[in-house]
Amino acid sequence: MSLERDQNKPKPDDRGDNVEKLQVMVHDTIENYREAEERMEWAPDHEKEQIRKKNKRREESIKGFRDEIKDEYRHQQNRTE
């Protein structure tokens, strides 16, 4: 019974590497954005519009990631004080 209870216990929230993970996500998203921009030069017109829309969503994601990075950094600073 005790073993079963331990298996259902939630893991502690380890936010120690969130900033690093978010920075990798920003980097990867920027790379995807740039690659899509390069592909757009050769893409047919109907694909260009899809690329534009996807890159717009990537811009929004990057902004969100950067906001999260700031929040995580502040959280880490508050924990060390």
Protein backbone atom coordinates (compact mmCIF):
# COMPACT_ATOMS: atom_id res chain seq x y z
CA MET A 1 0.00 0.00 0.00
CA SER A 2 2.79 2.43 0.89
CA LEU A 3 4.57 1.72 -2.39
CA GLU A 4 1.41 2.51 -4.35
CA ARG A 5 1.00 5.83 -2.52
CA ASP A 6 4.60 6.79 -3.29
CA GLN A 7 4.10 6.08 -7.00
CA ASN A 8 1.13 8.45 -7.16
CA LYS A 9 2.95 11.22 -5.34
CA PRO A 10 3.64 14.22 -7.61
CA LYS A 11 7.24 15.07 -8.34
CA PRO A 12 8.55 18.28 -6.79
CA ASP A 13 8.63 21.32 -9.05
CA ASP A 14 12.23 21.64 -10.23
CA ARG A 15 12.50 24.98 -12.00
CA GLY A 16 16.26 25.17 -11.75
CA ASP A 17 16.93 24.73 -15.45
CA ASN A 18 13.83 26.41 -16.89
CA VAL A 19 15.72 29.51 -18.07
CA GLU A 20 18.23 27.36 -19.90
CA LYS A 21 15.49 25.26 -21.53
CA LEU A 22 13.57 28.37 -22.56
CA GLN A 23 16.70 29.90 -24.09
CA VAL A 24 17.20 26.76 -26.18
CA MET A 25 13.57 26.98 -27.29
CA VAL A 26 14.05 30.63 -28.33
CA HIS A 27 17.19 29.72 -30.27
CA ASP A 28 15.49 26.81 -32.04
CA THR A 29 12.44 28.89 -32.92
CA ILE A 30 14.60 31.68 -34.35
CA GLU A 31 16.48 29.12 -36.45
CA ASN A 32 13.19 27.72 -37.77
CA TYR A 33 12.01 31.25 -38.54
CA ARG A 34 15.17 32.01 -40.53
CA GLU A 35 15.02 28.73 -42.43
CA ALA A 36 11.40 29.40 -43.33
CA GLU A 37 12.31 32.88 -44.58
CA GLU A 38 14.94 31.33 -46.85
CA ARG A 39 12.46 28.72 -48.13
CA MET A 40 9.98 31.45 -48.92
CA GLU A 41 12.25 32.74 -51.71
CA TRP A 42 11.64 29.54 -53.67
CA ALA A 43 8.18 28.56 -52.44
CA PRO A 44 5.06 28.80 -54.58
CA ASP A 45 2.68 31.63 -53.66
CA HIS A 46 0.22 29.44 -51.73
CA GLU A 47 3.07 28.17 -49.52
CA LYS A 48 4.43 31.67 -48.93
CA GLU A 49 1.24 32.69 -47.14
CA GLN A 50 1.42 29.59 -44.94
CA ILE A 51 5.05 30.40 -44.10
CA ARG A 52 4.15 33.99 -43.22
CA LYS A 53 1.39 32.82 -40.89
CA LYS A 54 3.64 30.25 -39.23
CA ASN A 55 6.43 32.79 -38.78
CA LYS A 56 3.94 35.20 -37.21
CA ARG A 57 3.10 32.48 -34.66
CA ARG A 58 6.83 31.91 -34.15
CA GLU A 59 7.28 35.63 -33.38
CA GLU A 60 4.53 35.39 -30.78
CA SER A 61 6.12 32.27 -29.30
CA ILE A 62 9.52 33.94 -29.06
CA LYS A 63 7.99 36.90 -27.24
CA GLY A 64 6.22 34.52 -24.85
CA PHE A 65 9.42 32.54 -24.23
CA ARG A 66 11.32 35.74 -23.48
CA ASP A 67 8.63 36.87 -21.05
CA GLU A 68 8.85 33.47 -19.33
CA ILE A 69 12.64 33.76 -19.15
CA LYS A 70 12.29 37.10 -17.36
CA ASP A 71 9.74 35.62 -14.95
CA GLU A 72 11.91 32.59 -14.23
CA TYR A 73 14.97 34.75 -13.71
CA ARG A 74 13.06 36.93 -11.22
CA HIS A 75 11.78 33.79 -9.47
CA GLN A 76 15.32 32.46 -9.15
CA GLN A 77 16.57 35.79 -7.82
CA ASN A 78 13.81 35.86 -5.19
CA ARG A 79 14.70 32.35 -4.03
CA THR A 80 18.33 33.29 -3.43
CA GLU A 81 17.49 36.37 -1.36
